[in-house]
C-alpha atoms as a PDB file:
ATOM      1  CA  MET A   1      -0.205   0.218   0.037  1.00  0.00           C
ATOM      2  CA  THR A   2       1.178   3.430  -1.059  1.00  0.00           C
ATOM      3  CA  GLU A   3       2.107   5.620   2.101  1.00  0.00           C
ATOM      4  CA  PRO A   4       0.211   9.220   1.934  1.00  0.00           C
ATOM      5  CA  ARG A   5       2.550  12.274   1.250  1.00  0.00           C
ATOM      6  CA  GLY A   6       2.283  15.413   2.393  1.00  0.00           C
ATOM      7  CA  PRO A   7       0.449  16.932   4.932  1.00  0.00           C
ATOM      8  CA  LEU A   8      -2.754  15.635   6.351  1.00  0.00           C
ATOM      9  CA  TRP A   9      -4.666  19.041   5.557  1.00  0.00           C
ATOM     10  CA  THR A  10      -3.457  18.897   2.334  1.00  0.00           C
ATOM     11  CA  ARG A  11      -4.291  14.970   1.338  1.00  0.00           C
ATOM     12  CA  PRO A  12      -7.620  14.271  -0.351  1.00  0.00           C
ATOM     13  CA  ALA A  13     -10.441  13.685   2.722  1.00  0.00           C
ATOM     14  CA  ALA A  14     -10.913  10.024   3.161  1.00  0.00           C
ATOM     15  CA  ALA A  15     -14.247   8.523   1.774  1.00  0.00           C
ATOM     16  CA  LYS A  16     -16.698   7.488   4.460  1.00  0.00           C
ATOM     17  CA  PRO A  17     -17.899   4.209   4.250  1.00  0.00           C
ATOM     18  CA  GLU A  18     -21.636   3.640   2.979  1.00  0.00           C
ATOM     19  CA  ARG A  19     -23.949   3.186   5.863  1.00  0.00           C
ATOM     20  CA  LEU A  20     -25.103   0.226   6.194  1.00  0.00           C
ATOM     21  CA  THR A  21     -28.601  -1.054   5.637  1.00  0.00           C
ATOM     22  CA  ARG A  22     -31.271  -3.837   5.921  1.00  0.00           C
ATOM     23  CA  GLU A  23     -32.074  -3.293   2.121  1.00  0.00           C
ATOM     24  CA  ALA A  24     -28.319  -3.163   0.860  1.00  0.00           C
ATOM     25  CA  VAL A  25     -28.217  -6.643   2.881  1.00  0.00           C
ATOM     26  CA  VAL A  26     -30.874  -8.070   1.690  1.00  0.00           C
ATOM     27  CA  ALA A  27     -30.449  -6.863  -2.064  1.00  0.00           C
ATOM     28  CA  LEU A  28     -26.668  -8.810  -1.698  1.00  0.00           C
ATOM     29  CA  ALA A  29     -27.693 -11.650  -0.644  1.00  0.00           C
ATOM     30  CA  VAL A  30     -30.587 -12.426  -3.304  1.00  0.00           C
ATOM     31  CA  GLU A  31     -27.619 -11.320  -5.623  1.00  0.00           C
ATOM     32  CA  LEU A  32     -25.299 -14.205  -4.316  1.00  0.00           C
ATOM     33  CA  ALA A  33     -28.233 -16.523  -4.125  1.00  0.00           C
ATOM     34  CA  ASP A  34     -28.757 -15.836  -7.865  1.00  0.00           C
ATOM     35  CA  ARG A  35     -25.452 -16.413  -8.710  1.00  0.00           C
ATOM     36  CA  GLU A  36     -24.648 -19.664  -6.225  1.00  0.00           C
ATOM     37  CA  GLY A  37     -27.728 -21.019  -5.314  1.00  0.00           C
ATOM     38  CA  LEU A  38     -28.874 -20.223  -1.752  1.00  0.00           C
ATOM     39  CA  GLU A  39     -26.604 -22.495   0.157  1.00  0.00           C
ATOM     40  CA  ALA A  40     -24.209 -20.235  -0.736  1.00  0.00           C
ATOM     41  CA  VAL A  41     -25.640 -17.168   1.766  1.00  0.00           C
ATOM     42  CA  SER A  42     -24.165 -16.672   5.055  1.00  0.00           C
ATOM     43  CA  VAL A  43     -24.036 -14.505   7.636  1.00  0.00           C
ATOM     44  CA  ARG A  44     -20.498 -14.585   7.194  1.00  0.00           C
ATOM     45  CA  ARG A  45     -20.412 -13.915   3.461  1.00  0.00           C
ATOM     46  CA  LEU A  46     -22.575 -11.101   2.969  1.00  0.00           C
ATOM     47  CA  ALA A  47     -20.070  -9.524   6.263  1.00  0.00           C
ATOM     48  CA  ALA A  48     -16.872 -10.100   4.030  1.00  0.00           C
ATOM     49  CA  GLU A  49     -18.471  -9.058   0.842  1.00  0.00           C
ATOM     50  CA  LEU A  50     -19.864  -5.416   2.637  1.00  0.00           C
ATOM     51  CA  SER A  51     -16.288  -5.346   4.522  1.00  0.00           C
ATOM     52  CA  ALA A  52     -18.411  -5.313   7.880  1.00  0.00           C
ATOM     53  CA  ARG A  53     -18.533  -6.992  11.156  1.00  0.00           C
ATOM     54  CA  PRO A  54     -20.503 -10.228  10.902  1.00  0.00           C
ATOM     55  CA  MET A  55     -22.286  -9.395  14.272  1.00  0.00           C
ATOM     56  CA  SER A  56     -23.491  -6.363  12.626  1.00  0.00           C
ATOM     57  CA  LEU A  57     -25.697  -7.347  10.845  1.00  0.00           C
ATOM     58  CA  TYR A  58     -27.527  -9.401  13.245  1.00  0.00           C
ATOM     59  CA  SER A  59     -28.849  -5.808  14.470  1.00  0.00           C
ATOM     60  CA  PHE A  60     -31.382  -6.493  11.229  1.00  0.00           C
ATOM     61  CA  PHE A  61     -32.388  -9.921  11.742  1.00  0.00           C
ATOM     62  CA  LYS A  62     -31.632 -12.379  14.407  1.00  0.00           C
ATOM     63  CA  ARG A  63     -31.016 -15.476  12.538  1.00  0.00           C
ATOM     64  CA  LYS A  64     -30.995 -16.839   8.588  1.00  0.00           C
ATOM     65  CA  ASP A  65     -34.372 -17.887   8.738  1.00  0.00           C
ATOM     66  CA  ASP A  66     -35.069 -14.235   8.690  1.00  0.00           C
ATOM     67  CA  LEU A  67     -32.881 -13.593   6.310  1.00  0.00           C
ATOM     68  CA  VAL A  68     -34.406 -15.655   3.823  1.00  0.00           C
ATOM     69  CA  ASP A  69     -37.997 -14.282   4.672  1.00  0.00           C
ATOM     70  CA  LEU A  70     -36.912 -10.974   3.823  1.00  0.00           C
ATOM     71  CA  MET A  71     -35.528 -12.205   0.582  1.00  0.00           C
ATOM     72  CA  ILE A  72     -38.773 -13.995  -0.835  1.00  0.00           C
ATOM     73  CA  ASP A  73     -40.277 -11.060   0.376  1.00  0.00           C
ATOM     74  CA  GLN A  74     -37.780  -8.462  -1.555  1.00  0.00           C
ATOM     75  CA  VAL A  75     -38.561 -10.799  -4.781  1.00  0.00           C
ATOM     76  CA  GLN A  76     -42.317 -10.837  -4.229  1.00  0.00           C
ATOM     77  CA  ALA A  77     -41.889  -6.957  -4.879  1.00  0.00           C
ATOM     78  CA  GLU A  78     -40.569  -7.911  -8.053  1.00  0.00           C
ATOM     79  CA  MET A  79     -43.677 -10.210  -8.884  1.00  0.00           C
ATOM     80  CA  LEU A  80     -46.049  -7.067  -8.751  1.00  0.00           C
ATOM     81  CA  VAL A  81     -47.063  -5.509 -12.138  1.00  0.00           C
ATOM     82  CA  PRO A  82     -46.437  -2.027 -12.417  1.00  0.00           C
ATOM     83  CA  GLU A  83     -49.524  -1.091 -14.117  1.00  0.00           C
ATOM     84  CA  MET A  84     -52.239  -3.591 -13.770  1.00  0.00           C
ATOM     85  CA  PRO A  85     -54.690  -4.056 -16.805  1.00  0.00           C
ATOM     86  CA  SER A  86     -58.085  -2.902 -15.904  1.00  0.00           C
ATOM     87  CA  GLY A  87     -61.391  -3.670 -17.750  1.00  0.00           C
ATOM     88  CA  ASP A  88     -60.746  -7.469 -18.304  1.00  0.00           C
ATOM     89  CA  TRP A  89     -60.063  -9.955 -15.957  1.00  0.00           C
ATOM     90  CA  ARG A  90     -58.084 -12.022 -18.743  1.00  0.00           C
ATOM     91  CA  ALA A  91     -55.375  -9.404 -19.102  1.00  0.00           C
ATOM     92  CA  ALA A  92     -55.289  -8.493 -15.959  1.00  0.00           C
ATOM     93  CA  LEU A  93     -54.444 -12.466 -15.005  1.00  0.00           C
ATOM     94  CA  ARG A  94     -52.342 -13.019 -17.681  1.00  0.00           C
ATOM     95  CA  ALA A  95     -49.882  -9.853 -16.569  1.00  0.00           C
ATOM     96  CA  VAL A  96     -50.056 -11.846 -13.353  1.00  0.00           C
ATOM     97  CA  LEU A  97     -48.985 -14.841 -13.952  1.00  0.00           C
ATOM     98  CA  HIS A  98     -46.456 -13.551 -16.624  1.00  0.00           C
ATOM     99  CA  ARG A  99     -44.697 -11.797 -14.405  1.00  0.00           C
ATOM    100  CA  GLN A 100     -44.676 -14.614 -11.955  1.00  0.00           C
ATOM    101  CA  ILE A 101     -42.818 -16.622 -14.525  1.00  0.00           C
ATOM    102  CA  GLU A 102     -40.308 -14.258 -15.622  1.00  0.00           C
ATOM    103  CA  VAL A 103     -39.166 -13.211 -11.775  1.00  0.00           C
ATOM    104  CA  GLY A 104     -39.654 -17.421 -11.118  1.00  0.00           C
ATOM    105  CA  ARG A 105     -36.690 -18.175 -14.034  1.00  0.00           C
ATOM    106  CA  LYS A 106     -34.661 -15.179 -13.075  1.00  0.00           C
ATOM    107  CA  HIS A 107     -34.370 -16.211  -8.523  1.00  0.00           C
ATOM    108  CA  VAL A 108     -34.248 -20.301  -9.656  1.00  0.00           C
ATOM    109  CA  TRP A 109     -33.534 -20.718  -5.972  1.00  0.00           C
ATOM    110  CA  VAL A 110     -36.936 -19.045  -4.360  1.00  0.00           C
ATOM    111  CA  MET A 111     -38.885 -22.346  -6.039  1.00  0.00           C
ATOM    112  CA  GLY A 112     -37.237 -24.321  -3.152  1.00  0.00           C
ATOM    113  CA  VAL A 113     -38.248 -22.531  -0.353  1.00  0.00           C
ATOM    114  CA  PHE A 114     -41.625 -21.437  -1.397  1.00  0.00           C
ATOM    115  CA  GLY A 115     -43.019 -25.076  -0.192  1.00  0.00           C
ATOM    116  CA  SER A 116     -41.164 -24.659   3.334  1.00  0.00           C
ATOM    117  CA  ARG A 117     -42.600 -21.224   4.198  1.00  0.00           C
ATOM    118  CA  ALA A 118     -45.774 -19.166   4.818  1.00  0.00           C
ATOM    119  CA  PRO A 119     -45.215 -15.691   2.619  1.00  0.00           C
ATOM    120  CA  ILE A 120     -46.852 -13.395   4.179  1.00  0.00           C
ATOM    121  CA  GLY A 121     -44.613 -10.194   4.280  1.00  0.00           C
ATOM    122  CA  PRO A 122     -45.867  -6.887   3.061  1.00  0.00           C
ATOM    123  CA  ASN A 123     -44.730  -7.316  -0.450  1.00  0.00           C
ATOM    124  CA  ALA A 124     -46.329 -11.368  -0.553  1.00  0.00           C
ATOM    125  CA  ALA A 125     -49.529  -9.315   0.665  1.00  0.00           C
ATOM    126  CA  ARG A 126     -49.661  -6.484  -2.302  1.00  0.00           C
ATOM    127  CA  HIS A 127     -48.969  -9.390  -4.940  1.00  0.00           C
ATOM    128  CA  ALA A 128     -52.039 -11.674  -3.431  1.00  0.00           C
ATOM    129  CA  GLU A 129     -54.103  -8.340  -3.778  1.00  0.00           C
ATOM    130  CA  GLN A 130     -52.892  -7.891  -7.209  1.00  0.00           C
ATOM    131  CA  SER A 131     -54.029 -11.887  -7.681  1.00  0.00           C
ATOM    132  CA  TYR A 132     -57.190 -11.091  -6.389  1.00  0.00           C
ATOM    133  CA  GLU A 133     -58.097  -8.055  -8.055  1.00  0.00           C
ATOM    134  CA  ALA A 134     -57.310  -9.854 -12.093  1.00  0.00           C
ATOM    135  CA  ILE A 135     -59.699 -11.891 -11.268  1.00  0.00           C
ATOM    136  CA  ALA A 136     -62.277  -9.977  -9.187  1.00  0.00           C
ATOM    137  CA  GLY A 137     -64.578  -9.862 -12.597  1.00  0.00           C
ATOM    138  CA  LEU A 138     -65.339 -13.074 -12.262  1.00  0.00           C
ATOM    139  CA  GLY A 139     -68.067 -12.886  -9.322  1.00  0.00           C
ATOM    140  CA  LEU A 140     -67.169 -15.291  -6.841  1.00  0.00           C
ATOM    141  CA  SER A 141     -67.336 -15.440  -3.514  1.00  0.00           C
ATOM    142  CA  PRO A 142     -64.237 -14.230  -1.044  1.00  0.00           C
ATOM    143  CA  GLU A 143     -63.460 -18.166  -0.748  1.00  0.00           C
ATOM    144  CA  ARG A 144     -63.979 -19.032  -3.911  1.00  0.00           C
ATOM    145  CA  ALA A 145     -61.914 -16.641  -5.427  1.00  0.00           C
ATOM    146  CA  THR A 146     -59.406 -18.460  -2.705  1.00  0.00           C
ATOM    147  CA  ARG A 147     -59.787 -21.520  -3.740  1.00  0.00           C
ATOM    148  CA  LEU A 148     -59.348 -20.769  -7.443  1.00  0.00           C
ATOM    149  CA  LEU A 149     -55.947 -19.095  -7.106  1.00  0.00           C
ATOM    150  CA  ARG A 150     -54.948 -21.822  -5.079  1.00  0.00           C
ATOM    151  CA  SER A 151     -55.257 -24.027  -8.075  1.00  0.00           C
ATOM    152  CA  VAL A 152     -53.774 -21.536 -10.349  1.00  0.00           C
ATOM    153  CA  ASP A 153     -50.576 -20.550  -8.498  1.00  0.00           C
ATOM    154  CA  THR A 154     -50.355 -25.099  -7.702  1.00  0.00           C
ATOM    155  CA  TYR A 155     -50.221 -24.972 -11.593  1.00  0.00           C
ATOM    156  CA  LEU A 156     -47.872 -22.159 -11.967  1.00  0.00           C
ATOM    157  CA  TRP A 157     -45.032 -22.595  -9.748  1.00  0.00           C
ATOM    158  CA  GLY A 158     -45.256 -26.712 -10.877  1.00  0.00           C
ATOM    159  CA  TYR A 159     -44.247 -24.857 -14.437  1.00  0.00           C
ATOM    160  CA  VAL A 160     -41.525 -22.479 -13.514  1.00  0.00           C
ATOM    161  CA  THR A 161     -40.038 -25.285 -11.095  1.00  0.00           C
ATOM    162  CA  LEU A 162     -40.052 -27.577 -13.914  1.00  0.00           C
ATOM    163  CA  ASN A 163     -38.131 -25.139 -16.310  1.00  0.00           C
ATOM    164  CA  GLY A 164     -35.535 -24.101 -13.386  1.00  0.00           C
ATOM    165  CA  GLN A 165     -34.509 -27.645 -13.344  1.00  0.00           C
ATOM    166  CA  GLU A 166     -32.934 -27.428 -16.512  1.00  0.00           C
ATOM    167  CA  LEU A 167     -31.286 -23.813 -15.897  1.00  0.00           C
ATOM    168  CA  ALA A 168     -29.867 -24.847 -12.150  1.00  0.00           C
ATOM    169  CA  ALA A 169     -28.130 -27.744 -13.881  1.00  0.00           C
ATOM    170  CA  ARG A 170     -27.098 -26.383 -16.197  1.00  0.00           C
ATOM    171  CA  ARG A 171     -25.226 -23.485 -13.988  1.00  0.00           C
ATOM    172  CA  ARG A 172     -24.225 -26.548 -11.535  1.00  0.00           C
ATOM    173  CA  ASP A 173     -22.352 -27.897 -14.750  1.00  0.00           C
ATOM    174  CA  GLN A 174     -21.335 -25.203 -16.291  1.00  0.00           C
ATOM    175  CA  LEU A 175     -22.729 -26.010 -19.633  1.00  0.00           C
ATOM    176  CA  THR A 176     -24.471 -23.381 -21.748  1.00  0.00           C
ATOM    177  CA  GLU A 177     -28.148 -24.152 -23.151  1.00  0.00           C
ATOM    178  CA  GLN A 178     -27.039 -25.959 -26.673  1.00  0.00           C
ATOM    179  CA  GLU A 179     -24.147 -27.947 -24.491  1.00  0.00           C
ATOM    180  CA  TRP A 180     -26.751 -29.377 -21.894  1.00  0.00           C
ATOM    181  CA  ARG A 181     -29.314 -30.467 -24.696  1.00  0.00           C
ATOM    182  CA  GLU A 182     -26.578 -32.195 -26.866  1.00  0.00           C
ATOM    183  CA  SER A 183     -25.257 -34.201 -24.106  1.00  0.00           C
ATOM    184  CA  THR A 184     -28.185 -34.987 -22.537  1.00  0.00           C
ATOM    185  CA  SER A 185     -29.447 -35.769 -25.786  1.00  0.00           C
ATOM    186  CA  ALA A 186     -26.799 -38.188 -26.246  1.00  0.00           C
ATOM    187  CA  TYR A 187     -27.268 -39.918 -23.420  1.00  0.00           C
ATOM    188  CA  PHE A 188     -30.756 -40.576 -23.797  1.00  0.00           C
ATOM    189  CA  ASP A 189     -30.067 -42.519 -27.260  1.00  0.00           C
ATOM    190  CA  GLU A 190     -27.548 -44.336 -25.368  1.00  0.00           C
ATOM    191  CA  LEU A 191     -29.997 -45.111 -22.517  1.00  0.00           C
ATOM    192  CA  THR A 192     -32.747 -46.052 -25.105  1.00  0.00           C
ATOM    193  CA  ALA A 193     -30.570 -48.055 -27.544  1.00  0.00           C
ATOM    194  CA  ALA A 194     -31.130 -51.318 -25.899  1.00  0.00           C
ATOM    195  CA  GLY A 195     -34.865 -50.988 -27.120  1.00  0.00           C
ATOM    196  CA  ASP A 196     -36.467 -51.933 -23.248  1.00  0.00           C
ATOM    197  CA  LEU A 197     -37.349 -48.404 -22.541  1.00  0.00           C
ATOM    198  CA  PRO A 198     -40.256 -48.417 -25.930  1.00  0.00           C
ATOM    199  CA  ASN A 199     -42.539 -46.184 -24.216  1.00  0.00           C
ATOM    200  CA  LEU A 200     -39.703 -43.476 -23.195  1.00  0.00           C
ATOM    201  CA  ALA A 201     -38.283 -43.357 -26.505  1.00  0.00           C
ATOM    202  CA  ALA A 202     -41.198 -42.578 -27.915  1.00  0.00           C
ATOM    203  CA  VAL A 203     -41.427 -39.726 -26.602  1.00  0.00           C
ATOM    204  CA  GLY A 204     -39.049 -37.679 -28.458  1.00  0.00           C
ATOM    205  CA  ARG A 205     -35.281 -37.283 -28.428  1.00  0.00           C
ATOM    206  CA  GLY A 206     -34.460 -35.082 -25.230  1.00  0.00           C
ATOM    207  CA  ARG A 207     -37.910 -34.759 -24.712  1.00  0.00           C
ATOM    208  CA  PRO A 208     -38.031 -36.547 -20.996  1.00  0.00           C
ATOM    209  CA  TRP A 209     -35.606 -33.747 -19.790  1.00  0.00           C
ATOM    210  CA  ARG A 210     -37.400 -30.651 -20.491  1.00  0.00           C
ATOM    211  CA  PRO A 211     -40.676 -31.361 -18.844  1.00  0.00           C
ATOM    212  CA  ALA A 212     -42.332 -28.177 -19.189  1.00  0.00           C
ATOM    213  CA  ALA A 213     -40.292 -27.627 -22.820  1.00  0.00           C
ATOM    214  CA  GLY A 214     -43.345 -25.237 -24.971  1.00  0.00           C
ATOM    215  CA  LEU A 215     -45.492 -25.025 -22.353  1.00  0.00           C
ATOM    216  CA  GLY A 216     -44.527 -21.185 -22.166  1.00  0.00           C
ATOM    217  CA  ARG A 217     -46.007 -20.523 -25.570  1.00  0.00           C
ATOM    218  CA  GLY A 218     -49.975 -20.149 -24.726  1.00  0.00           C
ATOM    219  CA  LEU A 219     -49.571 -20.714 -21.459  1.00  0.00           C
ATOM    220  CA  GLY A 220     -52.066 -17.450 -20.600  1.00  0.00           C
ATOM    221  CA  ARG A 221     -54.453 -18.833 -23.152  1.00  0.00           C
ATOM    222  CA  ARG A 222     -54.669 -22.234 -21.413  1.00  0.00           C
ATOM    223  CA  LEU A 223     -54.866 -21.178 -18.259  1.00  0.00           C
ATOM    224  CA  ARG A 224     -57.796 -18.255 -18.809  1.00  0.00           C
ATOM    225  CA  ARG A 225     -59.582 -21.598 -20.505  1.00  0.00           C
ATOM    226  CA  GLY A 226     -59.128 -23.193 -17.096  1.00  0.00           C
ATOM    227  CA  VAL A 227     -59.894 -20.195 -15.326  1.00  0.00           C
ATOM    228  CA  GLU A 228     -63.527 -20.488 -17.181  1.00  0.00           C
ATOM    229  CA  LEU A 229     -63.886 -24.078 -16.443  1.00  0.00           C
ATOM    230  CA  ALA A 230     -63.419 -24.240 -12.814  1.00  0.00           C
ATOM    231  CA  ALA A 231     -65.243 -19.986 -12.109  1.00  0.00           C
ATOM    232  CA  ARG A 232     -68.049 -21.842 -13.183  1.00  0.00           C
ATOM    233  CA  ARG A 233     -67.947 -25.091 -11.161  1.00  0.00           C
ATOM    234  CA  LEU A 234     -67.221 -23.021  -8.282  1.00  0.00           C
ATOM    235  CA  ARG A 235     -70.384 -20.877  -9.392  1.00  0.00           C
ATOM    236  CA  GLU A 236     -72.489 -23.698  -9.938  1.00  0.00           C
ATOM    237  CA  GLU A 237     -71.141 -26.412  -6.827  1.00  0.00           C
ATOM    238  CA  PRO A 238     -70.318 -24.425  -3.634  1.00  0.00           C
ATOM    239  CA  GLY A 239     -68.498 -27.122  -2.180  1.00  0.00           C
ATOM    240  CA  ALA A 240     -66.300 -28.147  -5.471  1.00  0.00           C
ATOM    241  CA  VAL A 241     -62.486 -28.815  -4.357  1.00  0.00           C
ATOM    242  CA  LEU A 242     -60.370 -28.598  -7.318  1.00  0.00           C
ATOM    243  CA  THR A 243     -57.651 -30.481  -5.891  1.00  0.00           C
ATOM    244  CA  THR A 244     -56.911 -31.704  -9.423  1.00  0.00           C
ATOM    245  CA  TYR A 245     -57.186 -28.572 -11.276  1.00  0.00           C
ATOM    246  CA  ALA A 246     -53.847 -28.769 -12.143  1.00  0.00           C
ATOM    247  CA  GLN A 247     -54.018 -31.853 -14.073  1.00  0.00           C
ATOM    248  CA  ARG A 248     -57.380 -30.090 -15.437  1.00  0.00           C
ATOM    249  CA  LEU A 249     -55.013 -27.495 -16.969  1.00  0.00           C
ATOM    250  CA  LEU A 250     -52.743 -30.067 -18.177  1.00  0.00           C
ATOM    251  CA  ILE A 251     -55.700 -31.420 -20.202  1.00  0.00           C
ATOM    252  CA  LEU A 252     -56.480 -27.956 -21.638  1.00  0.00           C
ATOM    253  CA  SER A 253     -53.161 -27.704 -22.615  1.00  0.00           C
ATOM    254  CA  GLU A 254     -53.290 -30.772 -24.812  1.00  0.00           C
ATOM    255  CA  THR A 255     -56.276 -30.042 -26.733  1.00  0.00           C
ATOM    256  CA  SER A 256     -55.315 -26.126 -27.080  1.00  0.00           C
END
């Protein structure tokens, strides 16, 4: 390190360290999870990246679980639609769903934590409000609207998770999309060459490793058709349970 020269009063003033904030810590944690996975996020790692003492971070959260909850809520802030379409529930629902897909693909790690946590932060509440706003034109009671949205989320997050599996595997093995497809296709050909997996072979070259391939095109159209069908059933059968709704949407996707 070069020693400063000249009297103190003639040298440039040392830059003041930026004040550490909870927002800065959470933003860095999300960025780190995007790059290296959630397992790479630790208080010690964040402190090192921020040139801070590890104990100073505990003024913002008491445990890592709290940090993860803050990370999830920040991601859910990104899911908010800036301007909701008005007057057409189909356009509004499409905007909400496609925003979720876009953000889910950006933050693949979040798919692995949604199943073990109850997202109830302020941005989760705002996202839920937008979802209810999107289907307000269907005229469902609050209970039936909740049932419908849960079914839609089940399908949507399954779709995003399946798409995220390939991306996570490619990142882990440091492969481009083309390299991934070539290597898995070659493996698939070798696996089915003996003829003892005829049904798998009939699916097509490489298809089993891309279970959600192609669902993005027309996803909004299929979901809207499924929502219309489910909403009609909920109005006609107050006690209807849509536990098989995801399967119904998949059937619709094959006929659209």
